[in-house]
PDB file of N, CA and C in Angstrom:
ATOM      1  N   MET A   1       1.114  -0.849   0.269  1.00  0.00           N
ATOM      2  CA  MET A   1      -0.248  -0.334  -0.304  1.00  0.00           C
ATOM      3  C   MET A   1       0.871   1.658   0.116  1.00  0.00           C
ATOM      4  N   PHE A   2       1.059   2.508  -0.927  1.00  0.00           N
ATOM      5  CA  PHE A   2       1.377   3.132  -1.015  1.00  0.00           C
ATOM      6  C   PHE A   2       0.763   4.534   0.369  1.00  0.00           C
ATOM      7  N   SER A   3       2.018   5.221   0.627  1.00  0.00           N
ATOM      8  CA  SER A   3       1.087   6.290   1.283  1.00  0.00           C
ATOM      9  C   SER A   3       0.529   7.073   0.617  1.00  0.00           C
ATOM     10  N   LYS A   4      -0.246   8.066   1.564  1.00  0.00           N
ATOM     11  CA  LYS A   4      -0.915   8.745   0.599  1.00  0.00           C
ATOM     12  C   LYS A   4      -0.709  10.400  -0.151  1.00  0.00           C
ATOM     13  N   LEU A   5      -0.826  10.639  -0.731  1.00  0.00           N
ATOM     14  CA  LEU A   5      -0.520  11.906  -1.615  1.00  0.00           C
ATOM     15  C   LEU A   5      -0.813  13.104  -0.601  1.00  0.00           C
ATOM     16  N   GLU A   6       0.265  13.798  -0.974  1.00  0.00           N
ATOM     17  CA  GLU A   6       0.353  15.211   0.029  1.00  0.00           C
ATOM     18  C   GLU A   6       0.212  16.530  -0.716  1.00  0.00           C
ATOM     19  N   VAL A   7      -0.729  17.384  -0.632  1.00  0.00           N
ATOM     20  CA  VAL A   7      -0.528  18.666  -1.545  1.00  0.00           C
ATOM     21  C   VAL A   7       0.408  19.397  -1.004  1.00  0.00           C
ATOM     22  N   ILE A   8       1.665  19.829  -1.921  1.00  0.00           N
ATOM     23  CA  ILE A   8       2.680  20.575  -1.625  1.00  0.00           C
ATOM     24  C   ILE A   8       2.496  21.945  -1.546  1.00  0.00           C
ATOM     25  N   ASN A   9       1.349  22.207  -2.444  1.00  0.00           N
ATOM     26  CA  ASN A   9       0.781  23.480  -3.227  1.00  0.00           C
ATOM     27  C   ASN A   9      -0.199  23.620  -3.591  1.00  0.00           C
ATOM     28  N   GLU A  10      -0.898  24.680  -3.685  1.00  0.00           N
ATOM     29  CA  GLU A  10      -2.417  24.880  -3.835  1.00  0.00           C
ATOM     30  C   GLU A  10      -2.309  26.534  -4.463  1.00  0.00           C
ATOM     31  N   ASP A  11      -2.465  26.516  -5.720  1.00  0.00           N
ATOM     32  CA  ASP A  11      -2.325  27.940  -6.782  1.00  0.00           C
ATOM     33  C   ASP A  11      -4.103  28.126  -6.804  1.00  0.00           C
ATOM     34  N   SER A  12      -4.313  29.111  -5.818  1.00  0.00           N
ATOM     35  CA  SER A  12      -5.911  29.071  -5.789  1.00  0.00           C
ATOM     36  C   SER A  12      -6.455  30.107  -6.731  1.00  0.00           C
ATOM     37  N   VAL A  13      -5.508  31.179  -7.621  1.00  0.00           N
ATOM     38  CA  VAL A  13      -5.560  31.999  -8.804  1.00  0.00           C
ATOM     39  C   VAL A  13      -5.674  31.301  -9.824  1.00  0.00           C
ATOM     40  N   ASN A  14      -4.451  30.306 -10.099  1.00  0.00           N
ATOM     41  CA  ASN A  14      -4.766  29.461 -11.223  1.00  0.00           C
ATOM     42  C   ASN A  14      -5.403  27.923 -11.780  1.00  0.00           C
ATOM     43  N   LYS A  15      -6.020  28.117 -10.402  1.00  0.00           N
ATOM     44  CA  LYS A  15      -6.634  26.873  -9.781  1.00  0.00           C
ATOM     45  C   LYS A  15      -6.161  25.538 -10.401  1.00  0.00           C
ATOM     46  N   LYS A  16      -4.673  25.394 -10.077  1.00  0.00           N
ATOM     47  CA  LYS A  16      -3.452  24.050  -9.707  1.00  0.00           C
ATOM     48  C   LYS A  16      -3.252  23.679  -8.602  1.00  0.00           C
ATOM     49  N   ILE A  17      -3.370  22.713  -8.775  1.00  0.00           N
ATOM     50  CA  ILE A  17      -3.012  22.298  -7.007  1.00  0.00           C
ATOM     51  C   ILE A  17      -1.421  20.935  -7.246  1.00  0.00           C
ATOM     52  N   PHE A  18      -0.591  21.051  -7.033  1.00  0.00           N
ATOM     53  CA  PHE A  18       0.492  20.103  -6.834  1.00  0.00           C
ATOM     54  C   PHE A  18       0.917  18.996  -6.075  1.00  0.00           C
ATOM     55  N   ILE A  19       0.841  18.060  -6.081  1.00  0.00           N
ATOM     56  CA  ILE A  19       0.509  16.584  -5.086  1.00  0.00           C
ATOM     57  C   ILE A  19       1.875  16.041  -5.576  1.00  0.00           C
ATOM     58  N   LYS A  20       2.254  14.914  -4.051  1.00  0.00           N
ATOM     59  CA  LYS A  20       3.605  14.381  -4.299  1.00  0.00           C
ATOM     60  C   LYS A  20       3.630  13.543  -3.206  1.00  0.00           C
ATOM     61  N   ALA A  21       3.995  12.506  -4.004  1.00  0.00           N
ATOM     62  CA  ALA A  21       3.833  11.203  -2.453  1.00  0.00           C
ATOM     63  C   ALA A  21       4.895  10.933  -1.732  1.00  0.00           C
ATOM     64  N   LYS A  22       4.765  10.154  -0.915  1.00  0.00           N
ATOM     65  CA  LYS A  22       6.255  10.386  -0.064  1.00  0.00           C
ATOM     66  C   LYS A  22       7.521  10.159  -0.107  1.00  0.00           C
ATOM     67  N   THR A  23       7.675   9.064  -1.173  1.00  0.00           N
ATOM     68  CA  THR A  23       8.687   8.590  -1.677  1.00  0.00           C
ATOM     69  C   THR A  23       9.277   8.840  -3.522  1.00  0.00           C
ATOM     70  N   GLU A  24       9.579   8.707  -3.748  1.00  0.00           N
ATOM     71  CA  GLU A  24      10.444   9.374  -5.359  1.00  0.00           C
ATOM     72  C   GLU A  24       9.920   8.489  -6.226  1.00  0.00           C
ATOM     73  N   PHE A  25       9.925   6.356  -5.596  1.00  0.00           N
ATOM     74  CA  PHE A  25       9.359   5.859  -6.326  1.00  0.00           C
ATOM     75  C   PHE A  25       7.637   5.995  -6.021  1.00  0.00           C
ATOM     76  N   GLU A  26       6.991   6.251  -4.821  1.00  0.00           N
ATOM     77  CA  GLU A  26       6.116   5.784  -5.242  1.00  0.00           C
ATOM     78  C   GLU A  26       5.119   6.904  -5.724  1.00  0.00           C
ATOM     79  N   ASP A  27       5.944   8.522  -5.972  1.00  0.00           N
ATOM     80  CA  ASP A  27       5.492   9.573  -6.728  1.00  0.00           C
ATOM     81  C   ASP A  27       5.278   9.181  -8.475  1.00  0.00           C
ATOM     82  N   SER A  28       6.839   8.345  -8.456  1.00  0.00           N
ATOM     83  CA  SER A  28       7.032   8.210 -10.048  1.00  0.00           C
ATOM     84  C   SER A  28       5.555   6.790 -10.507  1.00  0.00           C
ATOM     85  N   TYR A  29       5.358   6.195  -9.502  1.00  0.00           N
ATOM     86  CA  TYR A  29       4.662   4.920 -10.035  1.00  0.00           C
ATOM     87  C   TYR A  29       3.044   4.928  -9.913  1.00  0.00           C
ATOM     88  N   ILE A  30       2.948   6.453  -9.407  1.00  0.00           N
ATOM     89  CA  ILE A  30       1.626   6.892  -9.107  1.00  0.00           C
ATOM     90  C   ILE A  30       1.333   7.566 -10.916  1.00  0.00           C
ATOM     91  N   ARG A  31       2.127   8.594 -11.049  1.00  0.00           N
ATOM     92  CA  ARG A  31       2.011   9.657 -11.913  1.00  0.00           C
ATOM     93  C   ARG A  31       2.149   8.394 -13.713  1.00  0.00           C
ATOM     94  N   GLU A  32       2.659   7.355 -12.875  1.00  0.00           N
ATOM     95  CA  GLU A  32       3.220   6.585 -14.104  1.00  0.00           C
ATOM     96  C   GLU A  32       1.348   5.716 -14.388  1.00  0.00           C
ATOM     97  N   ASN A  33       0.619   5.432 -13.346  1.00  0.00           N
ATOM     98  CA  ASN A  33      -0.146   4.512 -13.570  1.00  0.00           C
ATOM     99  C   ASN A  33      -1.728   5.224 -13.156  1.00  0.00           C
ATOM    100  N   TYR A  34      -1.658   6.619 -12.269  1.00  0.00           N
ATOM    101  CA  TYR A  34      -2.692   6.964 -11.936  1.00  0.00           C
ATOM    102  C   TYR A  34      -2.989   8.290 -12.116  1.00  0.00           C
ATOM    103  N   LEU A  35      -1.664   8.956 -13.069  1.00  0.00           N
ATOM    104  CA  LEU A  35      -2.155  10.293 -13.743  1.00  0.00           C
ATOM    105  C   LEU A  35      -3.671  10.672 -14.230  1.00  0.00           C
ATOM    106  N   LYS A  36      -4.002   9.897 -15.171  1.00  0.00           N
ATOM    107  CA  LYS A  36      -5.128  10.317 -16.065  1.00  0.00           C
ATOM    108  C   LYS A  36      -6.392   9.754 -15.140  1.00  0.00           C
ATOM    109  N   ASP A  37      -6.490   9.159 -14.463  1.00  0.00           N
ATOM    110  CA  ASP A  37      -7.536   9.059 -13.246  1.00  0.00           C
ATOM    111  C   ASP A  37      -7.275  10.357 -12.303  1.00  0.00           C
ATOM    112  N   LEU A  38      -6.414  10.796 -12.247  1.00  0.00           N
ATOM    113  CA  LEU A  38      -6.115  11.544 -11.125  1.00  0.00           C
ATOM    114  C   LEU A  38      -6.870  13.470 -11.664  1.00  0.00           C
ATOM    115  N   GLU A  39      -5.783  13.741 -12.966  1.00  0.00           N
ATOM    116  CA  GLU A  39      -6.289  14.507 -13.515  1.00  0.00           C
ATOM    117  C   GLU A  39      -7.687  14.821 -13.833  1.00  0.00           C
ATOM    118  N   SER A  40      -8.672  14.004 -14.153  1.00  0.00           N
ATOM    119  CA  SER A  40      -9.939  14.149 -14.408  1.00  0.00           C
ATOM    120  C   SER A  40     -10.667  14.011 -12.950  1.00  0.00           C
ATOM    121  N   THR A  41     -10.614  13.809 -12.147  1.00  0.00           N
ATOM    122  CA  THR A  41     -10.494  13.882 -11.324  1.00  0.00           C
ATOM    123  C   THR A  41     -11.149  15.159 -10.621  1.00  0.00           C
ATOM    124  N   PHE A  42      -9.831  15.959 -10.455  1.00  0.00           N
ATOM    125  CA  PHE A  42      -9.183  17.521 -10.202  1.00  0.00           C
ATOM    126  C   PHE A  42      -9.975  18.091 -11.308  1.00  0.00           C
ATOM    127  N   LYS A  43      -9.877  17.948 -12.391  1.00  0.00           N
ATOM    128  CA  LYS A  43     -10.881  18.378 -13.647  1.00  0.00           C
ATOM    129  C   LYS A  43     -12.166  18.508 -13.179  1.00  0.00           C
ATOM    130  N   ALA A  44     -12.381  17.773 -12.754  1.00  0.00           N
ATOM    131  CA  ALA A  44     -14.298  17.823 -12.549  1.00  0.00           C
ATOM    132  C   ALA A  44     -14.491  18.699 -11.133  1.00  0.00           C
ATOM    133  N   GLN A  45     -13.483  18.674 -10.396  1.00  0.00           N
ATOM    134  CA  GLN A  45     -13.564  19.786  -9.501  1.00  0.00           C
ATOM    135  C   GLN A  45     -13.128  21.099  -9.456  1.00  0.00           C
ATOM    136  N   GLY A  46     -12.860  21.177 -11.065  1.00  0.00           N
ATOM    137  CA  GLY A  46     -12.220  22.982 -11.397  1.00  0.00           C
ATOM    138  C   GLY A  46     -11.154  22.924 -11.085  1.00  0.00           C
ATOM    139  N   PHE A  47      -9.853  21.854 -11.165  1.00  0.00           N
ATOM    140  CA  PHE A  47      -8.585  22.485 -10.724  1.00  0.00           C
ATOM    141  C   PHE A  47      -7.720  21.639 -11.570  1.00  0.00           C
ATOM    142  N   LEU A  48      -6.574  22.303 -11.795  1.00  0.00           N
ATOM    143  CA  LEU A  48      -5.410  21.467 -12.659  1.00  0.00           C
ATOM    144  C   LEU A  48      -4.914  20.901 -12.078  1.00  0.00           C
ATOM    145  N   LEU A  49      -3.981  19.730 -12.190  1.00  0.00           N
ATOM    146  CA  LEU A  49      -3.191  18.712 -11.334  1.00  0.00           C
ATOM    147  C   LEU A  49      -1.934  19.367 -12.044  1.00  0.00           C
ATOM    148  N   SER A  50      -1.194  19.486 -11.101  1.00  0.00           N
ATOM    149  CA  SER A  50       0.626  19.982 -12.031  1.00  0.00           C
ATOM    150  C   SER A  50       1.562  18.680 -10.928  1.00  0.00           C
TER     151      SER A  50
END
């Protein structure tokens, strides 16, 4: 099981959220396998994922 994702920066003006996992491996794995799902989820809430 992976660690939860942490919001490291939220840009309310440009509606962007920056997230990062606890380790570089987890961050890379999540971005490779789940980024499209995360992007569509954040987009539905009016935010862009960076």
